[in-house]
Amino acid sequence: MTIKLFGLKNCDTCKKALGEIKATGHKAEFVDIRAEADLARKVPEWLKAVGDKLVNRSSTTWRALTEENKARATGSSLEGLLLGNPTLIKRPVIEVDGDVLIGWTDASKARIG
């Protein structure tokens, strides 16, 4: 099983997910979305797979956006908003054998096993 976990190095949820994945005996590659990820390529793929679930509407970054920018968080403008504000991406984004999982949820844990 190939697992890539995209997140932020200082994100507690990402650290927890990575630790739990490794504890199950799986190997996972961590990719920092600000420093290492090719977001210009990844964001469109993720949006195609999960739609606007990719947006973390409970983040500090989201709360700091203007109402105008929040209104852009739909359709074709969403990609540009996420590329300009990578911390708006709900974390972690986990790629498992072609599937895209968003957040460290029970469904994500079950998929990884």
PDB file of N, CA and C in Angstrom:
ATOM      1  N   MET A   1       0.847  -1.170   0.000  1.00  0.00           N
ATOM      2  CA  MET A   1       0.000   0.000   0.000  1.00  0.00           C
ATOM      3  C   MET A   1       0.895   1.237   0.000  1.00  0.00           C
ATOM      4  N   THR A   2       0.615   2.166  -0.900  1.00  0.00           N
ATOM      5  CA  THR A   2       1.354   3.410  -0.988  1.00  0.00           C
ATOM      6  C   THR A   2       0.556   4.506  -0.294  1.00  0.00           C
ATOM      7  N   ILE A   3       1.155   5.134   0.713  1.00  0.00           N
ATOM      8  CA  ILE A   3       0.468   6.172   1.477  1.00  0.00           C
ATOM      9  C   ILE A   3       1.316   7.444   1.462  1.00  0.00           C
ATOM     10  N   LYS A   4       0.682   8.540   1.040  1.00  0.00           N
ATOM     11  CA  LYS A   4       1.301   9.859   1.122  1.00  0.00           C
ATOM     12  C   LYS A   4       0.393  10.727   1.963  1.00  0.00           C
ATOM     13  N   LEU A   5       0.973  11.362   2.964  1.00  0.00           N
ATOM     14  CA  LEU A   5       0.217  12.231   3.845  1.00  0.00           C
ATOM     15  C   LEU A   5       0.691  13.660   3.602  1.00  0.00           C
ATOM     16  N   PHE A   6      -0.228  14.513   3.170  1.00  0.00           N
ATOM     17  CA  PHE A   6       0.073  15.920   2.908  1.00  0.00           C
ATOM     18  C   PHE A   6      -0.469  16.739   4.069  1.00  0.00           C
ATOM     19  N   GLY A   7       0.383  17.572   4.647  1.00  0.00           N
ATOM     20  CA  GLY A   7      -0.057  18.389   5.769  1.00  0.00           C
ATOM     21  C   GLY A   7       0.973  19.425   6.119  1.00  0.00           C
ATOM     22  N   LEU A   8       0.900  19.893   7.349  1.00  0.00           N
ATOM     23  CA  LEU A   8       1.853  20.861   7.873  1.00  0.00           C
ATOM     24  C   LEU A   8       2.634  20.212   9.000  1.00  0.00           C
ATOM     25  N   LYS A   9       3.921  20.509   9.061  1.00  0.00           N
ATOM     26  CA  LYS A   9       4.779  19.884  10.070  1.00  0.00           C
ATOM     27  C   LYS A   9       4.333  20.192  11.491  1.00  0.00           C
ATOM     28  N   ASN A  10       3.733  21.367  11.705  1.00  0.00           N
ATOM     29  CA  ASN A  10       3.325  21.734  13.055  1.00  0.00           C
ATOM     30  C   ASN A  10       1.858  21.426  13.355  1.00  0.00           C
ATOM     31  N   CYS A  11       1.174  20.722  12.474  1.00  0.00           N
ATOM     32  CA  CYS A  11      -0.238  20.387  12.648  1.00  0.00           C
ATOM     33  C   CYS A  11      -0.369  19.140  13.524  1.00  0.00           C
ATOM     34  N   ASP A  12      -1.030  19.285  14.656  1.00  0.00           N
ATOM     35  CA  ASP A  12      -1.183  18.160  15.585  1.00  0.00           C
ATOM     36  C   ASP A  12      -1.943  16.996  14.968  1.00  0.00           C
ATOM     37  N   THR A  13      -2.973  17.279  14.183  1.00  0.00           N
ATOM     38  CA  THR A  13      -3.741  16.205  13.546  1.00  0.00           C
ATOM     39  C   THR A  13      -2.876  15.435  12.559  1.00  0.00           C
ATOM     40  N   CYS A  14      -2.043  16.148  11.817  1.00  0.00           N
ATOM     41  CA  CYS A  14      -1.144  15.489  10.860  1.00  0.00           C
ATOM     42  C   CYS A  14      -0.134  14.605  11.581  1.00  0.00           C
ATOM     43  N   LYS A  15       0.411  15.114  12.687  1.00  0.00           N
ATOM     44  CA  LYS A  15       1.362  14.328  13.482  1.00  0.00           C
ATOM     45  C   LYS A  15       0.692  13.069  14.028  1.00  0.00           C
ATOM     46  N   LYS A  16      -0.533  13.230  14.526  1.00  0.00           N
ATOM     47  CA  LYS A  16      -1.271  12.094  15.071  1.00  0.00           C
ATOM     48  C   LYS A  16      -1.543  11.059  13.987  1.00  0.00           C
ATOM     49  N   ALA A  17      -1.993  11.519  12.820  1.00  0.00           N
ATOM     50  CA  ALA A  17      -2.295  10.607  11.710  1.00  0.00           C
ATOM     51  C   ALA A  17      -1.050   9.847  11.286  1.00  0.00           C
ATOM     52  N   LEU A  18       0.051  10.553  11.125  1.00  0.00           N
ATOM     53  CA  LEU A  18       1.296   9.916  10.706  1.00  0.00           C
ATOM     54  C   LEU A  18       1.745   8.880  11.731  1.00  0.00           C
ATOM     55  N   GLY A  19       1.647   9.225  13.009  1.00  0.00           N
ATOM     56  CA  GLY A  19       2.026   8.292  14.065  1.00  0.00           C
ATOM     57  C   GLY A  19       1.157   7.048  14.085  1.00  0.00           C
ATOM     58  N   GLU A  20      -0.144   7.231  13.932  1.00  0.00           N
ATOM     59  CA  GLU A  20      -1.059   6.091  13.947  1.00  0.00           C
ATOM     60  C   GLU A  20      -0.879   5.215  12.710  1.00  0.00           C
ATOM     61  N   ILE A  21      -0.625   5.833  11.576  1.00  0.00           N
ATOM     62  CA  ILE A  21      -0.383   5.049  10.362  1.00  0.00           C
ATOM     63  C   ILE A  21       0.858   4.188  10.541  1.00  0.00           C
ATOM     64  N   LYS A  22       1.909   4.786  11.041  1.00  0.00           N
ATOM     65  CA  LYS A  22       3.158   4.045  11.247  1.00  0.00           C
ATOM     66  C   LYS A  22       2.991   2.967  12.313  1.00  0.00           C
ATOM     67  N   ALA A  23       2.160   3.229  13.319  1.00  0.00           N
ATOM     68  CA  ALA A  23       1.926   2.250  14.386  1.00  0.00           C
ATOM     69  C   ALA A  23       1.224   1.000  13.861  1.00  0.00           C
ATOM     70  N   THR A  24       0.496   1.124  12.748  1.00  0.00           N
ATOM     71  CA  THR A  24      -0.166  -0.039  12.166  1.00  0.00           C
ATOM     72  C   THR A  24       0.781  -0.847  11.284  1.00  0.00           C
ATOM     73  N   GLY A  25       2.020  -0.362  11.169  1.00  0.00           N
ATOM     74  CA  GLY A  25       3.004  -1.087  10.376  1.00  0.00           C
ATOM     75  C   GLY A  25       3.123  -0.619   8.938  1.00  0.00           C
ATOM     76  N   HIS A  26       2.344   0.384   8.561  1.00  0.00           N
ATOM     77  CA  HIS A  26       2.409   0.924   7.205  1.00  0.00           C
ATOM     78  C   HIS A  26       3.494   1.992   7.129  1.00  0.00           C
ATOM     79  N   LYS A  27       4.053   2.136   5.955  1.00  0.00           N
ATOM     80  CA  LYS A  27       4.991   3.223   5.711  1.00  0.00           C
ATOM     81  C   LYS A  27       4.215   4.354   5.068  1.00  0.00           C
ATOM     82  N   ALA A  28       4.506   5.571   5.501  1.00  0.00           N
ATOM     83  CA  ALA A  28       3.837   6.737   4.939  1.00  0.00           C
ATOM     84  C   ALA A  28       4.879   7.819   4.676  1.00  0.00           C
ATOM     85  N   GLU A  29       4.725   8.455   3.534  1.00  0.00           N
ATOM     86  CA  GLU A  29       5.591   9.582   3.190  1.00  0.00           C
ATOM     87  C   GLU A  29       4.870  10.864   3.575  1.00  0.00           C
ATOM     88  N   PHE A  30       5.525  11.709   4.365  1.00  0.00           N
ATOM     89  CA  PHE A  30       4.948  12.995   4.747  1.00  0.00           C
ATOM     90  C   PHE A  30       5.421  14.054   3.757  1.00  0.00           C
ATOM     91  N   VAL A  31       4.478  14.874   3.276  1.00  0.00           N
ATOM     92  CA  VAL A  31       4.795  15.956   2.348  1.00  0.00           C
ATOM     93  C   VAL A  31       4.209  17.242   2.922  1.00  0.00           C
ATOM     94  N   ASP A  32       5.061  18.219   3.204  1.00  0.00           N
ATOM     95  CA  ASP A  32       4.617  19.506   3.729  1.00  0.00           C
ATOM     96  C   ASP A  32       3.964  20.303   2.599  1.00  0.00           C
ATOM     97  N   ILE A  33       2.718  20.717   2.799  1.00  0.00           N
ATOM     98  CA  ILE A  33       1.995  21.396   1.721  1.00  0.00           C
ATOM     99  C   ILE A  33       2.539  22.784   1.422  1.00  0.00           C
ATOM    100  N   ARG A  34       3.246  23.391   2.367  1.00  0.00           N
ATOM    101  CA  ARG A  34       3.812  24.712   2.098  1.00  0.00           C
ATOM    102  C   ARG A  34       5.193  24.622   1.463  1.00  0.00           C
ATOM    103  N   ALA A  35       5.990  23.666   1.883  1.00  0.00           N
ATOM    104  CA  ALA A  35       7.392  23.628   1.464  1.00  0.00           C
ATOM    105  C   ALA A  35       7.701  22.630   0.358  1.00  0.00           C
ATOM    106  N   GLU A  36       6.950  21.532   0.279  1.00  0.00           N
ATOM    107  CA  GLU A  36       7.356  20.439  -0.608  1.00  0.00           C
ATOM    108  C   GLU A  36       6.339  20.037  -1.675  1.00  0.00           C
ATOM    109  N   ALA A  37       5.086  20.297  -1.438  1.00  0.00           N
ATOM    110  CA  ALA A  37       4.042  19.794  -2.349  1.00  0.00           C
ATOM    111  C   ALA A  37       3.954  20.630  -3.627  1.00  0.00           C
ATOM    112  N   ASP A  38       3.672  19.961  -4.717  1.00  0.00           N
ATOM    113  CA  ASP A  38       3.399  20.623  -5.992  1.00  0.00           C
ATOM    114  C   ASP A  38       1.893  20.900  -6.032  1.00  0.00           C
ATOM    115  N   LEU A  39       1.488  21.957  -5.337  1.00  0.00           N
ATOM    116  CA  LEU A  39       0.065  22.239  -5.192  1.00  0.00           C
ATOM    117  C   LEU A  39      -0.610  22.593  -6.509  1.00  0.00           C
ATOM    118  N   ALA A  40       0.137  23.179  -7.434  1.00  0.00           N
ATOM    119  CA  ALA A  40      -0.452  23.514  -8.737  1.00  0.00           C
ATOM    120  C   ALA A  40      -0.942  22.257  -9.449  1.00  0.00           C
ATOM    121  N   ARG A  41      -0.311  21.140  -9.166  1.00  0.00           N
ATOM    122  CA  ARG A  41      -0.724  19.868  -9.752  1.00  0.00           C
ATOM    123  C   ARG A  41      -1.705  19.132  -8.837  1.00  0.00           C
ATOM    124  N   LYS A  42      -1.450  19.185  -7.531  1.00  0.00           N
ATOM    125  CA  LYS A  42      -2.237  18.401  -6.581  1.00  0.00           C
ATOM    126  C   LYS A  42      -3.634  18.966  -6.311  1.00  0.00           C
ATOM    127  N   VAL A  43      -3.749  20.266  -6.126  1.00  0.00           N
ATOM    128  CA  VAL A  43      -5.045  20.854  -5.769  1.00  0.00           C
ATOM    129  C   VAL A  43      -6.126  20.510  -6.789  1.00  0.00           C
ATOM    130  N   PRO A  44      -5.878  20.657  -8.102  1.00  0.00           N
ATOM    131  CA  PRO A  44      -6.933  20.258  -9.053  1.00  0.00           C
ATOM    132  C   PRO A  44      -7.309  18.777  -8.942  1.00  0.00           C
ATOM    133  N   GLU A  45      -6.317  17.913  -8.712  1.00  0.00           N
ATOM    134  CA  GLU A  45      -6.607  16.481  -8.546  1.00  0.00           C
ATOM    135  C   GLU A  45      -7.472  16.251  -7.313  1.00  0.00           C
ATOM    136  N   TRP A  46      -7.110  16.895  -6.212  1.00  0.00           N
ATOM    137  CA  TRP A  46      -7.869  16.718  -4.975  1.00  0.00           C
ATOM    138  C   TRP A  46      -9.287  17.270  -5.105  1.00  0.00           C
ATOM    139  N   LEU A  47      -9.416  18.426  -5.739  1.00  0.00           N
ATOM    140  CA  LEU A  47     -10.750  19.004  -5.929  1.00  0.00           C
ATOM    141  C   LEU A  47     -11.623  18.098  -6.783  1.00  0.00           C
ATOM    142  N   LYS A  48     -11.034  17.499  -7.789  1.00  0.00           N
ATOM    143  CA  LYS A  48     -11.795  16.568  -8.635  1.00  0.00           C
ATOM    144  C   LYS A  48     -12.268  15.368  -7.819  1.00  0.00           C
ATOM    145  N   ALA A  49     -11.428  14.926  -6.889  1.00  0.00           N
ATOM    146  CA  ALA A  49     -11.747  13.739  -6.083  1.00  0.00           C
ATOM    147  C   ALA A  49     -12.729  14.029  -4.950  1.00  0.00           C
ATOM    148  N   VAL A  50     -12.580  15.180  -4.278  1.00  0.00           N
ATOM    149  CA  VAL A  50     -13.379  15.423  -3.071  1.00  0.00           C
ATOM    150  C   VAL A  50     -14.180  16.713  -3.080  1.00  0.00           C
ATOM    151  N   GLY A  51     -14.019  17.525  -4.107  1.00  0.00           N
ATOM    152  CA  GLY A  51     -14.770  18.776  -4.183  1.00  0.00           C
ATOM    153  C   GLY A  51     -14.413  19.755  -3.079  1.00  0.00           C
ATOM    154  N   ASP A  52     -15.418  20.522  -2.651  1.00  0.00           N
ATOM    155  CA  ASP A  52     -15.134  21.578  -1.677  1.00  0.00           C
ATOM    156  C   ASP A  52     -14.921  21.067  -0.252  1.00  0.00           C
ATOM    157  N   LYS A  53     -14.951  19.758  -0.058  1.00  0.00           N
ATOM    158  CA  LYS A  53     -14.577  19.190   1.248  1.00  0.00           C
ATOM    159  C   LYS A  53     -13.116  19.471   1.546  1.00  0.00           C
ATOM    160  N   LEU A  54     -12.371  19.863   0.516  1.00  0.00           N
ATOM    161  CA  LEU A  54     -10.951  20.162   0.668  1.00  0.00           C
ATOM    162  C   LEU A  54     -10.717  21.440   1.468  1.00  0.00           C
ATOM    163  N   VAL A  55     -11.733  22.290   1.579  1.00  0.00           N
ATOM    164  CA  VAL A  55     -11.589  23.574   2.268  1.00  0.00           C
ATOM    165  C   VAL A  55     -11.839  23.408   3.762  1.00  0.00           C
ATOM    166  N   ASN A  56     -10.912  23.896   4.559  1.00  0.00           N
ATOM    167  CA  ASN A  56     -11.042  23.856   6.012  1.00  0.00           C
ATOM    168  C   ASN A  56     -11.728  25.138   6.471  1.00  0.00           C
ATOM    169  N   ARG A  57     -13.042  25.069   6.586  1.00  0.00           N
ATOM    170  CA  ARG A  57     -13.831  26.245   6.946  1.00  0.00           C
ATOM    171  C   ARG A  57     -13.805  26.549   8.449  1.00  0.00           C
ATOM    172  N   SER A  58     -13.091  25.755   9.218  1.00  0.00           N
ATOM    173  CA  SER A  58     -12.961  26.057  10.646  1.00  0.00           C
ATOM    174  C   SER A  58     -11.563  26.569  10.984  1.00  0.00           C
ATOM    175  N   SER A  59     -10.747  26.808   9.966  1.00  0.00           N
ATOM    176  CA  SER A  59      -9.371  27.250  10.204  1.00  0.00           C
ATOM    177  C   SER A  59      -9.292  28.741  10.511  1.00  0.00           C
ATOM    178  N   THR A  60      -8.200  29.120  11.139  1.00  0.00           N
ATOM    179  CA  THR A  60      -7.923  30.522  11.405  1.00  0.00           C
ATOM    180  C   THR A  60      -7.818  31.291  10.093  1.00  0.00           C
ATOM    181  N   THR A  61      -7.212  30.672   9.096  1.00  0.00           N
ATOM    182  CA  THR A  61      -7.068  31.325   7.791  1.00  0.00           C
ATOM    183  C   THR A  61      -8.441  31.627   7.200  1.00  0.00           C
ATOM    184  N   TRP A  62      -9.372  30.688   7.284  1.00  0.00           N
ATOM    185  CA  TRP A  62     -10.723  30.897   6.756  1.00  0.00           C
ATOM    186  C   TRP A  62     -11.402  32.063   7.471  1.00  0.00           C
ATOM    187  N   ARG A  63     -11.304  32.075   8.794  1.00  0.00           N
ATOM    188  CA  ARG A  63     -11.962  33.128   9.572  1.00  0.00           C
ATOM    189  C   ARG A  63     -11.385  34.504   9.256  1.00  0.00           C
ATOM    190  N   ALA A  64     -10.122  34.549   8.831  1.00  0.00           N
ATOM    191  CA  ALA A  64      -9.478  35.826   8.518  1.00  0.00           C
ATOM    192  C   ALA A  64      -9.799  36.328   7.109  1.00  0.00           C
ATOM    193  N   LEU A  65     -10.399  35.493   6.269  1.00  0.00           N
ATOM    194  CA  LEU A  65     -10.728  35.904   4.902  1.00  0.00           C
ATOM    195  C   LEU A  65     -11.856  36.928   4.894  1.00  0.00           C
ATOM    196  N   THR A  66     -11.837  37.776   3.897  1.00  0.00           N
ATOM    197  CA  THR A  66     -12.954  38.708   3.704  1.00  0.00           C
ATOM    198  C   THR A  66     -14.164  37.915   3.219  1.00  0.00           C
ATOM    199  N   GLU A  67     -15.317  38.491   3.361  1.00  0.00           N
ATOM    200  CA  GLU A  67     -16.540  37.841   2.872  1.00  0.00           C
ATOM    201  C   GLU A  67     -16.452  37.619   1.363  1.00  0.00           C
ATOM    202  N   GLU A  68     -15.811  38.550   0.675  1.00  0.00           N
ATOM    203  CA  GLU A  68     -15.635  38.412  -0.776  1.00  0.00           C
ATOM    204  C   GLU A  68     -14.816  37.164  -1.110  1.00  0.00           C
ATOM    205  N   ASN A  69     -13.736  36.958  -0.379  1.00  0.00           N
ATOM    206  CA  ASN A  69     -12.905  35.770  -0.624  1.00  0.00           C
ATOM    207  C   ASN A  69     -13.623  34.492  -0.220  1.00  0.00           C
ATOM    208  N   LYS A  70     -14.387  34.539   0.851  1.00  0.00           N
ATOM    209  CA  LYS A  70     -15.164  33.358   1.243  1.00  0.00           C
ATOM    210  C   LYS A  70     -16.168  32.992   0.159  1.00  0.00           C
ATOM    211  N   ALA A  71     -16.751  34.004  -0.463  1.00  0.00           N
ATOM    212  CA  ALA A  71     -17.711  33.768  -1.534  1.00  0.00           C
ATOM    213  C   ALA A  71     -17.046  33.107  -2.734  1.00  0.00           C
ATOM    214  N   ARG A  72     -15.727  33.287  -2.885  1.00  0.00           N
ATOM    215  CA  ARG A  72     -14.978  32.681  -3.985  1.00  0.00           C
ATOM    216  C   ARG A  72     -14.685  31.196  -3.721  1.00  0.00           C
ATOM    217  N   ALA A  73     -15.056  30.692  -2.579  1.00  0.00           N
ATOM    218  CA  ALA A  73     -14.719  29.320  -2.204  1.00  0.00           C
ATOM    219  C   ALA A  73     -15.667  28.314  -2.832  1.00  0.00           C
ATOM    220  N   THR A  74     -16.017  28.556  -4.066  1.00  0.00           N
ATOM    221  CA  THR A  74     -16.856  27.624  -4.813  1.00  0.00           C
ATOM    222  C   THR A  74     -16.401  27.613  -6.262  1.00  0.00           C
ATOM    223  N   GLY A  75     -16.751  26.578  -6.951  1.00  0.00           N
ATOM    224  CA  GLY A  75     -16.503  26.490  -8.384  1.00  0.00           C
ATOM    225  C   GLY A  75     -15.061  26.683  -8.788  1.00  0.00           C
ATOM    226  N   SER A  76     -14.866  27.333  -9.918  1.00  0.00           N
ATOM    227  CA  SER A  76     -13.531  27.457 -10.492  1.00  0.00           C
ATOM    228  C   SER A  76     -12.622  28.375  -9.690  1.00  0.00           C
ATOM    229  N   SER A  77     -13.165  29.275  -8.900  1.00  0.00           N
ATOM    230  CA  SER A  77     -12.345  30.186  -8.099  1.00  0.00           C
ATOM    231  C   SER A  77     -11.711  29.488  -6.897  1.00  0.00           C
ATOM    232  N   LEU A  78     -12.264  28.360  -6.516  1.00  0.00           N
ATOM    233  CA  LEU A  78     -11.783  27.655  -5.331  1.00  0.00           C
ATOM    234  C   LEU A  78     -10.329  27.234  -5.485  1.00  0.00           C
ATOM    235  N   GLU A  79      -9.959  26.761  -6.654  1.00  0.00           N
ATOM    236  CA  GLU A  79      -8.573  26.330  -6.883  1.00  0.00           C
ATOM    237  C   GLU A  79      -7.598  27.470  -6.619  1.00  0.00           C
ATOM    238  N   GLY A  80      -7.850  28.637  -7.159  1.00  0.00           N
ATOM    239  CA  GLY A  80      -6.973  29.784  -6.957  1.00  0.00           C
ATOM    240  C   GLY A  80      -6.889  30.198  -5.498  1.00  0.00           C
ATOM    241  N   LEU A  81      -8.017  30.140  -4.806  1.00  0.00           N
ATOM    242  CA  LEU A  81      -8.044  30.486  -3.389  1.00  0.00           C
ATOM    243  C   LEU A  81      -7.163  29.533  -2.582  1.00  0.00           C
ATOM    244  N   LEU A  82      -7.255  28.238  -2.865  1.00  0.00           N
ATOM    245  CA  LEU A  82      -6.446  27.250  -2.148  1.00  0.00           C
ATOM    246  C   LEU A  82      -4.964  27.362  -2.492  1.00  0.00           C
ATOM    247  N   LEU A  83      -4.665  27.635  -3.750  1.00  0.00           N
ATOM    248  CA  LEU A  83      -3.261  27.803  -4.148  1.00  0.00           C
ATOM    249  C   LEU A  83      -2.653  29.030  -3.482  1.00  0.00           C
ATOM    250  N   GLY A  84      -3.435  30.071  -3.321  1.00  0.00           N
ATOM    251  CA  GLY A  84      -2.950  31.288  -2.679  1.00  0.00           C
ATOM    252  C   GLY A  84      -2.907  31.206  -1.164  1.00  0.00           C
ATOM    253  N   ASN A  85      -3.636  30.260  -0.607  1.00  0.00           N
ATOM    254  CA  ASN A  85      -3.733  30.095   0.850  1.00  0.00           C
ATOM    255  C   ASN A  85      -3.686  28.611   1.207  1.00  0.00           C
ATOM    256  N   PRO A  86      -2.515  27.981   1.116  1.00  0.00           N
ATOM    257  CA  PRO A  86      -2.442  26.531   1.347  1.00  0.00           C
ATOM    258  C   PRO A  86      -2.949  26.079   2.717  1.00  0.00           C
ATOM    259  N   THR A  87      -2.937  26.978   3.701  1.00  0.00           N
ATOM    260  CA  THR A  87      -3.425  26.576   5.020  1.00  0.00           C
ATOM    261  C   THR A  87      -4.942  26.457   5.062  1.00  0.00           C
ATOM    262  N   LEU A  88      -5.626  26.802   3.955  1.00  0.00           N
ATOM    263  CA  LEU A  88      -7.070  26.566   3.853  1.00  0.00           C
ATOM    264  C   LEU A  88      -7.387  25.119   3.508  1.00  0.00           C
ATOM    265  N   ILE A  89      -6.361  24.358   3.133  1.00  0.00           N
ATOM    266  CA  ILE A  89      -6.571  22.950   2.776  1.00  0.00           C
ATOM    267  C   ILE A  89      -6.800  22.150   4.048  1.00  0.00           C
ATOM    268  N   LYS A  90      -7.908  21.433   4.094  1.00  0.00           N
ATOM    269  CA  LYS A  90      -8.210  20.593   5.258  1.00  0.00           C
ATOM    270  C   LYS A  90      -7.158  19.506   5.353  1.00  0.00           C
ATOM    271  N   ARG A  91      -6.647  19.314   6.543  1.00  0.00           N
ATOM    272  CA  ARG A  91      -5.532  18.390   6.734  1.00  0.00           C
ATOM    273  C   ARG A  91      -5.901  17.251   7.673  1.00  0.00           C
ATOM    274  N   PRO A  92      -5.187  16.178   7.488  1.00  0.00           N
ATOM    275  CA  PRO A  92      -4.278  15.878   6.392  1.00  0.00           C
ATOM    276  C   PRO A  92      -5.030  15.463   5.135  1.00  0.00           C
ATOM    277  N   VAL A  93      -4.379  15.610   4.003  1.00  0.00           N
ATOM    278  CA  VAL A  93      -4.846  15.012   2.760  1.00  0.00           C
ATOM    279  C   VAL A  93      -4.013  13.752   2.605  1.00  0.00           C
ATOM    280  N   ILE A  94      -4.683  12.620   2.489  1.00  0.00           N
ATOM    281  CA  ILE A  94      -3.979  11.340   2.428  1.00  0.00           C
ATOM    282  C   ILE A  94      -4.292  10.676   1.098  1.00  0.00           C
ATOM    283  N   GLU A  95      -3.233  10.333   0.375  1.00  0.00           N
ATOM    284  CA  GLU A  95      -3.396   9.586  -0.867  1.00  0.00           C
ATOM    285  C   GLU A  95      -3.024   8.138  -0.587  1.00  0.00           C
ATOM    286  N   VAL A  96      -3.978   7.237  -0.854  1.00  0.00           N
ATOM    287  CA  VAL A  96      -3.780   5.811  -0.634  1.00  0.00           C
ATOM    288  C   VAL A  96      -4.160   5.070  -1.903  1.00  0.00           C
ATOM    289  N   ASP A  97      -3.176   4.535  -2.580  1.00  0.00           N
ATOM    290  CA  ASP A  97      -3.425   3.734  -3.785  1.00  0.00           C
ATOM    291  C   ASP A  97      -4.454   4.370  -4.721  1.00  0.00           C
ATOM    292  N   GLY A  98      -4.291   5.663  -4.986  1.00  0.00           N
ATOM    293  CA  GLY A  98      -5.171   6.352  -5.918  1.00  0.00           C
ATOM    294  C   GLY A  98      -6.390   7.010  -5.299  1.00  0.00           C
ATOM    295  N   ASP A  99      -6.713   6.686  -4.043  1.00  0.00           N
ATOM    296  CA  ASP A  99      -7.829   7.325  -3.352  1.00  0.00           C
ATOM    297  C   ASP A  99      -7.336   8.573  -2.630  1.00  0.00           C
ATOM    298  N   VAL A 100      -8.211   9.560  -2.487  1.00  0.00           N
ATOM    299  CA  VAL A 100      -7.891  10.784  -1.749  1.00  0.00           C
ATOM    300  C   VAL A 100      -8.795  10.846  -0.523  1.00  0.00           C
ATOM    301  N   LEU A 101      -8.176  10.906   0.633  1.00  0.00           N
ATOM    302  CA  LEU A 101      -8.896  10.982   1.900  1.00  0.00           C
ATOM    303  C   LEU A 101      -8.629  12.346   2.520  1.00  0.00           C
ATOM    304  N   ILE A 102      -9.645  12.956   3.103  1.00  0.00           N
ATOM    305  CA  ILE A 102      -9.506  14.275   3.696  1.00  0.00           C
ATOM    306  C   ILE A 102      -9.777  14.179   5.190  1.00  0.00           C
ATOM    307  N   GLY A 103      -8.817  14.620   5.987  1.00  0.00           N
ATOM    308  CA  GLY A 103      -8.958  14.606   7.439  1.00  0.00           C
ATOM    309  C   GLY A 103      -8.626  13.245   8.024  1.00  0.00           C
ATOM    310  N   TRP A 104      -8.317  13.231   9.296  1.00  0.00           N
ATOM    311  CA  TRP A 104      -8.024  11.981   9.992  1.00  0.00           C
ATOM    312  C   TRP A 104      -9.304  11.542  10.689  1.00  0.00           C
ATOM    313  N   THR A 105     -10.168  10.909   9.917  1.00  0.00           N
ATOM    314  CA  THR A 105     -11.504  10.520  10.363  1.00  0.00           C
ATOM    315  C   THR A 105     -11.560   8.989  10.515  1.00  0.00           C
ATOM    316  N   ASP A 106     -12.692   8.527  11.054  1.00  0.00           N
ATOM    317  CA  ASP A 106     -12.885   7.077  11.166  1.00  0.00           C
ATOM    318  C   ASP A 106     -12.845   6.419   9.777  1.00  0.00           C
ATOM    319  N   ALA A 107     -13.415   7.104   8.785  1.00  0.00           N
ATOM    320  CA  ALA A 107     -13.404   6.566   7.420  1.00  0.00           C
ATOM    321  C   ALA A 107     -11.974   6.478   6.873  1.00  0.00           C
ATOM    322  N   SER A 108     -11.154   7.484   7.158  1.00  0.00           N
ATOM    323  CA  SER A 108      -9.757   7.462   6.719  1.00  0.00           C
ATOM    324  C   SER A 108      -9.000   6.319   7.392  1.00  0.00           C
ATOM    325  N   LYS A 109      -9.217   6.178   8.688  1.00  0.00           N
ATOM    326  CA  LYS A 109      -8.549   5.114   9.448  1.00  0.00           C
ATOM    327  C   LYS A 109      -8.958   3.739   8.916  1.00  0.00           C
ATOM    328  N   ALA A 110     -10.252   3.576   8.628  1.00  0.00           N
ATOM    329  CA  ALA A 110     -10.740   2.284   8.119  1.00  0.00           C
ATOM    330  C   ALA A 110     -10.150   1.967   6.748  1.00  0.00           C
ATOM    331  N   ARG A 111     -10.009   2.979   5.911  1.00  0.00           N
ATOM    332  CA  ARG A 111      -9.468   2.766   4.553  1.00  0.00           C
ATOM    333  C   ARG A 111      -8.014   2.309   4.606  1.00  0.00           C
ATOM    334  N   ILE A 112      -7.268   2.855   5.566  1.00  0.00           N
ATOM    335  CA  ILE A 112      -5.852   2.516   5.692  1.00  0.00           C
ATOM    336  C   ILE A 112      -5.683   1.195   6.415  1.00  0.00           C
ATOM    337  N   GLY A 113      -6.557   0.934   7.356  1.00  0.00           N
ATOM    338  CA  GLY A 113      -6.538  -0.348   8.072  1.00  0.00           C
ATOM    339  C   GLY A 113      -5.506  -0.374   9.108  1.00  0.00           C
TER     340      GLY A 113
END
